N, C-alpha and C. Protein backbone atom coordinates (compact mmCIF):
# COMPACT_ATOMS: atom_id res chain seq x y z
N MET A 1 140.09 84.93 -116.67
CA MET A 1 140.31 84.02 -118.03
C MET A 1 141.91 83.72 -117.86
N PRO A 2 142.27 82.32 -117.91
CA PRO A 2 143.36 81.84 -118.12
C PRO A 2 144.38 82.57 -119.22
N VAL A 3 145.77 82.87 -119.22
CA VAL A 3 146.37 83.46 -120.17
C VAL A 3 146.52 82.64 -121.40
N ASN A 4 146.47 81.42 -121.36
CA ASN A 4 146.30 80.64 -122.56
C ASN A 4 145.16 80.97 -123.42
N HIS A 5 143.96 81.35 -122.87
CA HIS A 5 142.82 81.47 -123.51
C HIS A 5 142.45 82.87 -124.02
N ILE A 6 143.61 83.58 -123.85
CA ILE A 6 143.28 85.07 -124.28
C ILE A 6 143.79 85.00 -125.93
N ARG A 7 143.19 85.78 -126.62
CA ARG A 7 143.61 85.58 -128.13
C ARG A 7 144.09 87.03 -128.62
N HIS A 8 144.96 87.04 -129.11
CA HIS A 8 145.90 88.33 -129.38
C HIS A 8 145.77 88.57 -131.09
N ILE A 9 145.54 89.60 -131.62
CA ILE A 9 145.94 89.75 -132.79
C ILE A 9 146.50 91.32 -133.10
N ILE A 10 147.39 91.27 -134.29
CA ILE A 10 148.30 92.55 -134.75
C ILE A 10 147.80 93.00 -136.03
N LEU A 11 147.20 94.10 -136.13
CA LEU A 11 146.88 94.97 -137.13
C LEU A 11 147.93 96.03 -137.70
N ASP A 12 148.28 96.31 -138.79
CA ASP A 12 149.00 97.05 -139.67
C ASP A 12 147.97 98.39 -139.61
N ARG A 13 148.21 99.63 -139.55
CA ARG A 13 147.30 100.69 -139.49
C ARG A 13 146.90 101.38 -140.94
N ASP A 14 147.94 102.16 -141.46
CA ASP A 14 147.68 102.56 -142.83
C ASP A 14 147.43 101.80 -143.98
N GLY A 15 146.18 101.62 -144.39
CA GLY A 15 146.13 100.64 -145.36
C GLY A 15 145.03 99.39 -145.31
N VAL A 16 145.04 99.29 -143.77
CA VAL A 16 144.33 98.04 -143.15
C VAL A 16 143.19 98.82 -142.39
N ILE A 17 143.28 99.75 -141.79
CA ILE A 17 142.25 100.26 -140.80
C ILE A 17 141.83 101.81 -141.49
N ASN A 18 142.79 102.44 -141.87
CA ASN A 18 142.36 103.62 -142.34
C ASN A 18 142.94 103.72 -143.92
N ALA A 19 142.57 104.56 -144.50
CA ALA A 19 143.03 104.83 -145.96
C ALA A 19 144.50 105.31 -146.09
N ASP A 20 145.13 104.82 -146.92
CA ASP A 20 146.71 105.23 -147.08
C ASP A 20 147.04 106.33 -147.90
N SER A 21 148.14 106.83 -147.99
CA SER A 21 148.30 108.03 -148.95
C SER A 21 149.86 107.87 -149.12
N ASP A 22 150.28 107.94 -150.37
CA ASP A 22 151.88 108.06 -150.80
C ASP A 22 152.24 109.51 -150.04
N GLN A 23 151.52 110.26 -149.80
CA GLN A 23 151.88 111.57 -149.15
C GLN A 23 151.92 111.54 -147.76
N PHE A 24 151.64 110.33 -147.04
CA PHE A 24 151.28 110.04 -145.72
C PHE A 24 150.34 110.63 -145.09
N ILE A 25 149.68 109.99 -143.99
CA ILE A 25 148.69 110.39 -143.11
C ILE A 25 149.22 111.25 -142.22
N LYS A 26 148.92 112.56 -142.23
CA LYS A 26 149.91 113.65 -141.31
C LYS A 26 148.95 114.23 -140.19
N THR A 27 147.55 114.02 -140.46
CA THR A 27 146.63 114.86 -139.55
C THR A 27 145.39 114.10 -139.33
N PRO A 28 144.74 114.15 -138.02
CA PRO A 28 143.45 113.48 -137.84
C PRO A 28 142.39 113.64 -139.08
N ASP A 29 142.36 114.64 -139.50
CA ASP A 29 141.55 115.12 -140.67
C ASP A 29 141.90 114.04 -142.10
N GLU A 30 143.02 113.58 -142.13
CA GLU A 30 143.42 112.84 -143.13
C GLU A 30 143.24 111.36 -142.80
N TRP A 31 143.12 111.42 -141.33
CA TRP A 31 142.94 109.75 -141.12
C TRP A 31 141.54 109.56 -141.30
N GLN A 32 141.25 108.71 -142.34
CA GLN A 32 139.86 108.27 -142.59
C GLN A 32 139.79 106.67 -142.67
N PRO A 33 138.86 106.22 -141.59
CA PRO A 33 138.76 104.83 -141.68
C PRO A 33 138.00 104.17 -143.10
N ILE A 34 138.84 103.04 -143.20
CA ILE A 34 138.24 102.37 -144.61
C ILE A 34 136.90 101.74 -144.16
N ASP A 35 136.03 101.73 -145.15
CA ASP A 35 134.70 101.25 -144.70
C ASP A 35 134.50 99.80 -144.07
N GLY A 36 134.11 99.52 -143.00
CA GLY A 36 134.00 98.46 -142.19
C GLY A 36 134.96 98.01 -141.44
N SER A 37 136.23 98.71 -141.45
CA SER A 37 137.17 98.56 -140.62
C SER A 37 136.96 98.57 -139.00
N LEU A 38 136.44 99.78 -138.84
CA LEU A 38 136.41 99.79 -137.07
C LEU A 38 135.41 98.86 -136.74
N GLU A 39 134.42 98.50 -137.67
CA GLU A 39 133.32 97.31 -137.03
C GLU A 39 133.85 96.28 -137.09
N ALA A 40 135.08 95.82 -137.71
CA ALA A 40 135.63 94.58 -137.86
C ALA A 40 136.43 94.57 -136.43
N ILE A 41 137.19 95.72 -135.87
CA ILE A 41 137.88 95.57 -134.71
C ILE A 41 136.98 95.39 -133.71
N ALA A 42 135.82 96.09 -133.62
CA ALA A 42 134.69 95.89 -132.68
C ALA A 42 134.24 94.37 -132.60
N ARG A 43 133.98 93.70 -133.73
CA ARG A 43 133.74 92.22 -133.41
C ARG A 43 135.05 91.32 -133.10
N LEU A 44 136.28 91.95 -133.47
CA LEU A 44 137.11 91.37 -132.53
C LEU A 44 137.15 91.35 -131.22
N LYS A 45 137.18 92.64 -130.70
CA LYS A 45 137.10 92.91 -129.21
C LYS A 45 135.93 91.95 -128.73
N ARG A 46 134.60 92.11 -129.07
CA ARG A 46 133.46 91.22 -128.70
C ARG A 46 133.73 89.71 -128.55
N ALA A 47 134.53 89.32 -129.39
CA ALA A 47 135.14 87.84 -129.53
C ALA A 47 136.33 87.51 -128.48
N GLY A 48 136.67 88.51 -127.76
CA GLY A 48 137.58 88.41 -126.69
C GLY A 48 139.21 88.76 -127.11
N TYR A 49 139.39 89.24 -128.15
CA TYR A 49 140.83 89.57 -128.74
C TYR A 49 141.09 90.69 -128.06
N LEU A 50 142.55 90.52 -127.60
CA LEU A 50 143.16 91.81 -127.38
C LEU A 50 143.96 92.33 -128.76
N VAL A 51 143.64 93.63 -129.15
CA VAL A 51 143.98 94.19 -130.48
C VAL A 51 145.08 94.90 -130.43
N GLY A 52 146.13 94.85 -131.11
CA GLY A 52 147.39 95.71 -131.16
C GLY A 52 147.54 96.18 -132.61
N ILE A 53 148.14 97.45 -132.71
CA ILE A 53 148.50 97.87 -133.85
C ILE A 53 150.05 98.18 -133.96
N ALA A 54 150.53 97.75 -135.08
CA ALA A 54 151.91 98.02 -135.25
C ALA A 54 152.31 98.77 -136.57
N SER A 55 152.69 99.73 -136.51
CA SER A 55 152.65 100.55 -137.61
C SER A 55 154.08 101.61 -137.83
N ASN A 56 154.56 101.46 -139.18
CA ASN A 56 155.85 102.30 -139.50
C ASN A 56 155.30 103.63 -139.64
N GLN A 57 155.81 104.54 -138.99
CA GLN A 57 155.38 105.88 -139.01
C GLN A 57 156.48 106.71 -139.34
N SER A 58 156.97 106.52 -140.49
CA SER A 58 158.30 107.15 -140.95
C SER A 58 158.25 108.87 -141.06
N GLY A 59 156.78 109.22 -141.24
CA GLY A 59 156.76 110.70 -141.37
C GLY A 59 157.10 111.28 -140.22
N ILE A 60 157.15 110.77 -139.26
CA ILE A 60 157.81 111.60 -138.15
C ILE A 60 159.30 111.82 -138.08
N GLY A 61 159.97 110.81 -138.75
CA GLY A 61 161.43 110.83 -138.87
C GLY A 61 161.54 111.98 -140.04
N ARG A 62 160.87 111.98 -140.85
CA ARG A 62 161.02 112.60 -142.03
C ARG A 62 160.29 114.17 -141.60
N GLY A 63 159.96 114.21 -140.64
CA GLY A 63 159.67 115.87 -140.28
C GLY A 63 158.31 116.15 -140.92
N LEU A 64 157.58 115.35 -141.32
CA LEU A 64 156.27 115.56 -141.85
C LEU A 64 154.83 115.84 -140.90
N PHE A 65 155.06 115.17 -139.72
CA PHE A 65 154.48 115.27 -138.50
C PHE A 65 155.22 115.04 -137.42
N ASP A 66 154.69 115.34 -136.18
CA ASP A 66 155.22 115.02 -134.86
C ASP A 66 154.31 114.05 -134.17
N ARG A 67 154.88 113.64 -133.09
CA ARG A 67 154.25 112.69 -132.10
C ARG A 67 152.75 113.02 -131.69
N ASP A 68 152.86 114.49 -131.32
CA ASP A 68 151.49 115.04 -131.06
C ASP A 68 150.47 114.82 -132.13
N SER A 69 150.87 114.91 -133.31
CA SER A 69 149.84 114.56 -134.56
C SER A 69 149.28 113.11 -134.68
N LEU A 70 150.41 112.31 -134.47
CA LEU A 70 150.13 110.96 -134.52
C LEU A 70 149.19 110.42 -133.05
N ASN A 71 149.61 111.06 -132.15
CA ASN A 71 148.52 110.86 -130.90
C ASN A 71 147.18 111.20 -131.22
N ALA A 72 147.25 112.25 -131.62
CA ALA A 72 145.63 112.89 -131.99
C ALA A 72 145.07 111.90 -133.01
N MET A 73 145.60 111.38 -134.34
CA MET A 73 145.23 110.34 -135.20
C MET A 73 144.68 109.20 -134.41
N HIS A 74 145.48 108.73 -133.41
CA HIS A 74 145.11 107.77 -132.64
C HIS A 74 144.04 107.91 -131.67
N GLY A 75 143.84 109.10 -131.16
CA GLY A 75 142.91 109.54 -130.56
C GLY A 75 141.35 109.54 -131.18
N LYS A 76 141.51 110.02 -132.39
CA LYS A 76 140.37 109.95 -133.43
C LYS A 76 139.80 108.53 -133.34
N MET A 77 140.87 107.65 -133.70
CA MET A 77 140.54 106.27 -134.15
C MET A 77 139.89 105.62 -132.83
N GLN A 78 140.24 106.02 -131.56
CA GLN A 78 139.84 105.46 -130.41
C GLN A 78 138.29 105.89 -130.05
N HIS A 79 138.25 107.32 -130.47
CA HIS A 79 137.04 107.88 -130.23
C HIS A 79 135.93 107.37 -131.13
N LEU A 80 136.18 106.96 -132.29
CA LEU A 80 135.24 106.33 -133.35
C LEU A 80 135.17 104.94 -132.81
N LEU A 81 136.14 104.25 -132.37
CA LEU A 81 135.71 102.89 -131.85
C LEU A 81 134.95 103.07 -130.63
N ALA A 82 135.42 103.97 -129.68
CA ALA A 82 134.27 104.10 -128.77
C ALA A 82 132.98 103.98 -128.86
N LYS A 83 132.64 104.77 -129.81
CA LYS A 83 131.11 104.92 -130.60
C LYS A 83 130.57 103.54 -130.72
N LEU A 84 131.47 102.55 -131.15
CA LEU A 84 131.17 101.32 -131.39
C LEU A 84 131.18 100.31 -130.21
N GLY A 85 131.38 100.88 -128.84
CA GLY A 85 131.71 100.18 -127.92
C GLY A 85 132.73 99.29 -127.80
N SER A 86 133.96 99.81 -128.42
CA SER A 86 135.05 99.22 -128.66
C SER A 86 136.46 99.92 -128.54
N HIS A 87 137.83 99.34 -128.63
CA HIS A 87 139.04 100.36 -128.69
C HIS A 87 139.93 99.38 -128.85
N VAL A 88 141.45 99.80 -129.22
CA VAL A 88 142.32 99.07 -129.53
C VAL A 88 143.13 98.99 -128.16
N ASP A 89 143.67 97.83 -127.99
CA ASP A 89 144.46 97.47 -126.87
C ASP A 89 145.95 98.34 -126.67
N LEU A 90 146.62 98.36 -127.64
CA LEU A 90 147.95 98.64 -127.62
C LEU A 90 148.36 99.20 -129.12
N ILE A 91 149.27 100.38 -129.13
CA ILE A 91 149.66 100.72 -130.45
C ILE A 91 151.16 100.83 -130.11
N ALA A 92 151.81 100.20 -131.20
CA ALA A 92 153.28 100.36 -131.26
C ALA A 92 153.85 100.85 -132.64
N PHE A 93 154.65 102.15 -132.65
CA PHE A 93 154.91 102.38 -133.70
C PHE A 93 156.45 103.01 -134.02
N CYS A 94 156.76 102.70 -135.19
CA CYS A 94 158.15 102.98 -135.47
C CYS A 94 158.26 104.61 -136.03
N PRO A 95 159.17 105.57 -135.57
CA PRO A 95 159.12 106.74 -135.80
C PRO A 95 160.26 106.85 -137.13
N HIS A 96 161.20 105.90 -137.43
CA HIS A 96 162.27 106.19 -137.63
C HIS A 96 162.16 105.89 -139.25
N THR A 97 163.16 106.64 -140.21
CA THR A 97 163.25 106.28 -141.65
C THR A 97 163.82 105.02 -141.85
N ALA A 98 163.92 104.45 -143.24
CA ALA A 98 164.83 103.48 -143.65
C ALA A 98 165.89 103.41 -143.39
N GLU A 99 166.65 104.75 -143.47
CA GLU A 99 168.00 105.00 -143.84
C GLU A 99 168.48 104.75 -142.16
N GLU A 100 167.68 104.82 -141.25
CA GLU A 100 168.05 104.78 -139.73
C GLU A 100 168.50 103.41 -139.33
N ARG A 101 167.94 102.45 -140.27
CA ARG A 101 168.35 100.85 -139.83
C ARG A 101 168.09 100.51 -138.48
N CYS A 102 166.85 100.75 -138.07
CA CYS A 102 166.47 100.52 -136.49
C CYS A 102 165.99 98.74 -136.57
N ALA A 103 165.79 98.58 -135.34
CA ALA A 103 165.18 96.94 -135.13
C ALA A 103 163.61 97.13 -135.30
N CYS A 104 163.12 98.25 -135.29
CA CYS A 104 161.69 98.42 -135.02
C CYS A 104 160.82 98.42 -136.33
N ARG A 105 161.39 99.00 -137.40
CA ARG A 105 160.84 99.32 -138.61
C ARG A 105 160.73 97.95 -139.24
N LYS A 106 159.41 97.63 -139.81
CA LYS A 106 158.91 96.43 -140.40
C LYS A 106 159.80 96.72 -141.89
N PRO A 107 160.31 95.60 -142.43
CA PRO A 107 160.09 94.28 -142.15
C PRO A 107 160.94 93.54 -140.94
N ARG A 108 161.63 94.40 -140.15
CA ARG A 108 162.35 93.81 -138.89
C ARG A 108 161.07 93.70 -137.92
N PRO A 109 160.97 92.74 -137.05
CA PRO A 109 159.98 92.37 -136.12
C PRO A 109 159.93 92.90 -134.92
N GLY A 110 160.71 94.00 -134.74
CA GLY A 110 160.70 94.82 -133.30
C GLY A 110 159.33 95.45 -132.88
N LEU A 111 158.63 96.01 -133.70
CA LEU A 111 157.32 96.27 -133.35
C LEU A 111 156.56 94.85 -132.66
N TYR A 112 156.53 94.02 -133.57
CA TYR A 112 155.81 92.85 -132.90
C TYR A 112 156.07 92.20 -131.65
N LEU A 113 157.70 92.44 -131.63
CA LEU A 113 158.26 92.07 -130.20
C LEU A 113 158.05 92.93 -129.02
N GLN A 114 157.83 94.28 -129.16
CA GLN A 114 157.15 95.27 -128.56
C GLN A 114 155.82 94.83 -127.67
N LEU A 115 154.92 94.61 -128.79
CA LEU A 115 153.65 94.14 -128.29
C LEU A 115 153.68 92.79 -127.69
N ALA A 116 154.56 91.76 -127.95
CA ALA A 116 154.56 90.62 -127.16
C ALA A 116 154.99 90.79 -125.85
N ARG A 117 155.96 91.57 -125.70
CA ARG A 117 156.60 91.84 -124.27
C ARG A 117 155.35 92.51 -123.35
N ARG A 118 154.92 93.47 -124.13
CA ARG A 118 153.61 94.24 -123.24
C ARG A 118 152.68 93.24 -122.89
N TRP A 119 152.36 92.26 -123.75
CA TRP A 119 151.05 91.61 -123.43
C TRP A 119 151.63 90.48 -122.76
N ASN A 120 152.94 90.15 -122.55
CA ASN A 120 153.64 89.01 -121.92
C ASN A 120 153.27 87.51 -122.56
N THR A 121 153.38 87.42 -123.95
CA THR A 121 153.12 86.34 -124.64
C THR A 121 153.98 86.17 -125.61
N ASP A 122 153.98 84.95 -126.23
CA ASP A 122 154.79 84.87 -127.58
C ASP A 122 153.87 85.01 -128.87
N LEU A 123 154.58 84.90 -129.89
CA LEU A 123 153.80 85.44 -131.17
C LEU A 123 153.58 84.38 -131.93
N ASP A 124 153.78 83.08 -131.57
CA ASP A 124 153.63 81.89 -132.48
C ASP A 124 152.25 81.77 -132.72
N GLY A 125 151.91 81.90 -134.25
CA GLY A 125 150.76 81.52 -134.53
C GLY A 125 149.71 82.74 -134.59
N ILE A 126 150.02 83.78 -133.77
CA ILE A 126 149.29 85.03 -133.87
C ILE A 126 148.99 85.78 -134.98
N PRO A 127 147.77 85.81 -135.30
CA PRO A 127 147.36 86.59 -136.69
C PRO A 127 147.89 88.07 -136.69
N VAL A 128 148.45 88.18 -137.98
CA VAL A 128 148.93 89.53 -138.05
C VAL A 128 148.44 90.01 -139.60
N ILE A 129 147.61 90.99 -139.57
CA ILE A 129 147.22 91.51 -140.99
C ILE A 129 147.54 92.60 -141.28
N GLY A 130 148.01 92.60 -142.67
CA GLY A 130 148.87 93.82 -143.12
C GLY A 130 148.39 94.13 -144.65
N ASP A 131 148.75 95.04 -145.34
CA ASP A 131 148.46 95.27 -146.74
C ASP A 131 149.93 95.23 -147.43
N SER A 132 151.05 95.12 -146.70
CA SER A 132 152.28 95.35 -147.49
C SER A 132 153.28 94.09 -147.40
N LEU A 133 154.19 93.76 -148.24
CA LEU A 133 155.03 92.67 -148.08
C LEU A 133 156.00 92.77 -146.42
N ARG A 134 156.36 94.01 -146.23
CA ARG A 134 157.06 94.08 -144.96
C ARG A 134 155.98 93.91 -143.78
N ASP A 135 154.77 94.04 -143.75
CA ASP A 135 154.16 93.51 -142.52
C ASP A 135 154.18 91.83 -142.50
N LEU A 136 153.97 91.21 -143.68
CA LEU A 136 154.12 89.80 -143.93
C LEU A 136 155.53 89.14 -143.32
N GLN A 137 156.42 89.70 -143.72
CA GLN A 137 157.87 89.68 -143.78
C GLN A 137 158.07 89.49 -142.10
N ALA A 138 157.65 90.52 -141.35
CA ALA A 138 158.01 90.80 -140.16
C ALA A 138 157.08 89.62 -139.24
N ALA A 139 156.04 89.34 -139.66
CA ALA A 139 155.04 88.33 -138.93
C ALA A 139 155.72 87.06 -139.14
N GLN A 140 156.18 86.53 -140.35
CA GLN A 140 156.98 85.44 -140.43
C GLN A 140 158.22 85.38 -139.64
N ALA A 141 159.04 86.31 -139.38
CA ALA A 141 160.08 86.31 -138.75
C ALA A 141 160.00 86.06 -137.30
N VAL A 142 158.59 86.17 -136.78
CA VAL A 142 158.50 85.96 -135.26
C VAL A 142 157.47 84.66 -135.21
N ASN A 143 157.32 83.99 -136.10
CA ASN A 143 156.38 82.81 -136.61
C ASN A 143 155.08 83.11 -136.23
N ALA A 144 154.56 84.26 -136.27
CA ALA A 144 153.21 84.77 -136.50
C ALA A 144 152.58 84.13 -137.62
N HIS A 145 151.31 84.44 -137.72
CA HIS A 145 150.32 83.94 -139.00
C HIS A 145 150.04 85.31 -139.97
N PRO A 146 150.84 85.67 -140.88
CA PRO A 146 150.56 86.82 -141.79
C PRO A 146 149.37 86.44 -142.44
N ILE A 147 148.64 87.56 -142.64
CA ILE A 147 147.39 87.63 -143.51
C ILE A 147 147.16 88.96 -144.17
N LEU A 148 147.09 88.61 -145.41
CA LEU A 148 147.10 89.99 -146.40
C LEU A 148 145.72 90.56 -146.66
N VAL A 149 145.45 91.86 -146.74
CA VAL A 149 144.28 92.31 -147.38
C VAL A 149 144.66 93.12 -148.63
N ARG A 150 143.67 93.35 -149.20
CA ARG A 150 143.79 94.11 -150.93
C ARG A 150 143.83 95.46 -150.79
N THR A 151 143.25 95.97 -149.60
CA THR A 151 143.23 97.51 -149.18
C THR A 151 144.53 97.99 -149.30
N GLY A 152 144.76 99.31 -149.28
CA GLY A 152 145.95 100.16 -148.96
C GLY A 152 146.76 99.53 -150.27
N LYS A 153 147.91 99.01 -149.81
CA LYS A 153 149.23 98.63 -151.15
C LYS A 153 148.75 97.07 -151.14
N GLY A 154 147.91 96.50 -150.71
CA GLY A 154 147.49 95.22 -150.86
C GLY A 154 147.60 94.57 -152.09
N GLU A 155 146.91 95.25 -153.20
CA GLU A 155 146.88 94.44 -154.48
C GLU A 155 148.29 94.47 -154.88
N LYS A 156 149.04 95.45 -154.89
CA LYS A 156 150.64 95.20 -155.39
C LYS A 156 151.28 94.09 -154.47
N THR A 157 150.91 93.83 -153.18
CA THR A 157 151.50 92.97 -152.49
C THR A 157 151.04 91.59 -152.79
N VAL A 158 149.77 91.44 -153.42
CA VAL A 158 149.53 90.04 -154.32
C VAL A 158 150.29 89.80 -155.21
N GLU A 159 150.70 90.83 -155.95
CA GLU A 159 151.32 90.59 -157.10
C GLU A 159 152.97 90.15 -156.65
N GLN A 160 153.57 90.58 -155.66
CA GLN A 160 154.76 90.37 -154.96
C GLN A 160 154.83 89.11 -154.65
N LEU A 161 153.77 88.46 -153.80
CA LEU A 161 153.65 87.04 -153.46
C LEU A 161 153.68 85.94 -154.62
N GLN A 162 153.47 86.43 -155.92
CA GLN A 162 153.46 85.37 -156.98
C GLN A 162 153.04 84.21 -156.63
N GLY A 163 151.58 84.16 -156.22
CA GLY A 163 150.82 82.90 -156.22
C GLY A 163 151.30 81.99 -154.81
N ASN A 164 151.85 82.76 -153.95
CA ASN A 164 152.18 81.89 -152.71
C ASN A 164 150.81 81.63 -151.82
N LYS A 165 150.54 80.38 -151.77
CA LYS A 165 149.19 80.17 -151.30
C LYS A 165 149.34 80.11 -149.81
N GLU A 166 150.34 79.99 -149.06
CA GLU A 166 150.45 79.69 -147.75
C GLU A 166 149.96 81.22 -146.91
N ILE A 167 150.07 82.28 -147.73
CA ILE A 167 149.63 83.63 -147.12
C ILE A 167 148.05 83.67 -147.33
N PRO A 168 146.98 83.73 -146.71
CA PRO A 168 145.75 83.99 -146.97
C PRO A 168 145.46 85.48 -147.60
N VAL A 169 144.68 85.73 -148.32
CA VAL A 169 144.49 86.97 -148.82
C VAL A 169 142.98 87.10 -148.73
N PHE A 170 142.47 88.44 -148.21
CA PHE A 170 141.17 88.86 -148.34
C PHE A 170 141.00 90.42 -148.75
N ASP A 171 139.70 90.59 -149.27
CA ASP A 171 139.36 91.90 -149.51
C ASP A 171 139.89 92.96 -148.73
N ASP A 172 139.36 92.81 -147.55
CA ASP A 172 139.54 93.97 -146.48
C ASP A 172 139.61 93.36 -145.10
N LEU A 173 139.87 94.24 -144.01
CA LEU A 173 139.78 93.78 -142.87
C LEU A 173 138.70 93.07 -142.35
N GLY A 174 137.30 93.65 -142.69
CA GLY A 174 136.39 93.01 -142.47
C GLY A 174 136.15 91.44 -142.87
N GLN A 175 136.36 91.31 -144.19
CA GLN A 175 136.56 89.90 -144.60
C GLN A 175 137.31 89.08 -143.77
N ALA A 176 138.47 89.41 -143.61
CA ALA A 176 139.73 88.83 -142.95
C ALA A 176 139.15 88.41 -141.55
N VAL A 177 138.55 89.39 -140.93
CA VAL A 177 138.15 89.06 -139.50
C VAL A 177 136.92 88.16 -139.67
N ASP A 178 135.97 88.13 -140.39
CA ASP A 178 134.93 87.33 -140.49
C ASP A 178 135.36 85.95 -140.74
N GLN A 179 136.56 85.79 -141.51
CA GLN A 179 136.92 84.33 -141.67
C GLN A 179 137.59 83.90 -140.42
N LEU A 180 138.39 84.61 -139.72
CA LEU A 180 139.09 84.66 -138.59
C LEU A 180 138.06 84.05 -137.41
N LEU A 181 136.95 84.57 -137.23
CA LEU A 181 136.05 84.59 -136.15
C LEU A 181 135.46 83.26 -136.61
N GLN A 182 134.96 82.97 -137.74
CA GLN A 182 134.50 81.56 -138.27
C GLN A 182 135.24 80.50 -137.84
N GLU A 183 136.58 80.54 -138.18
CA GLU A 183 137.38 79.55 -137.96
C GLU A 183 137.59 79.02 -136.33
N GLN A 184 137.13 80.38 -135.37
CA GLN A 184 137.43 80.10 -134.02
C GLN A 184 136.09 79.35 -133.49
N GLN A 185 135.21 79.26 -134.26
CA GLN A 185 133.77 79.00 -133.58
C GLN A 185 133.86 77.33 -133.43
N PRO A 186 133.36 77.03 -132.28
CA PRO A 186 133.21 75.69 -131.85
C PRO A 186 132.45 74.80 -132.91
N CYS A 187 133.05 73.68 -133.26
CA CYS A 187 132.52 72.61 -134.25
C CYS A 187 131.12 72.45 -133.67
């Protein structure tokens, strides 16, 4: 398949794929998929998308969990996706706290740029689905196409957008993916 026909999508993790918590998701047991999110990823993969995750994980920098625990959470996600005949292609995460002022922590676009380098593509127009303002800001910084879901922190983020109609809003990942795939159908 020619490179220009490959479709890419970037998803936030906590609040988009799995339930979020103000106390952080620290263990595989705490990592629980949002209803329909894994099935949505499977639909993306069947439609030919490369699926990447870009996730702030400052719980590592705060000492709440370590990289092994994060890898175990991602292992659980991949295992559950495998049961659906699917997987996530790439995962980029930022382990830093906001105080560290790194280039990878959203709203800075470093995680998205990491995925673009690994995919050897640019991010112009690539859909980015998130639940927080920082997800959307990072997408805008690289000229990607930001999409908001109401799950996780999404309801609060809708209020922060103050009626900005340029950013589409969907109830959850499943609904956003359904719309995206419908738009991709030939006329």
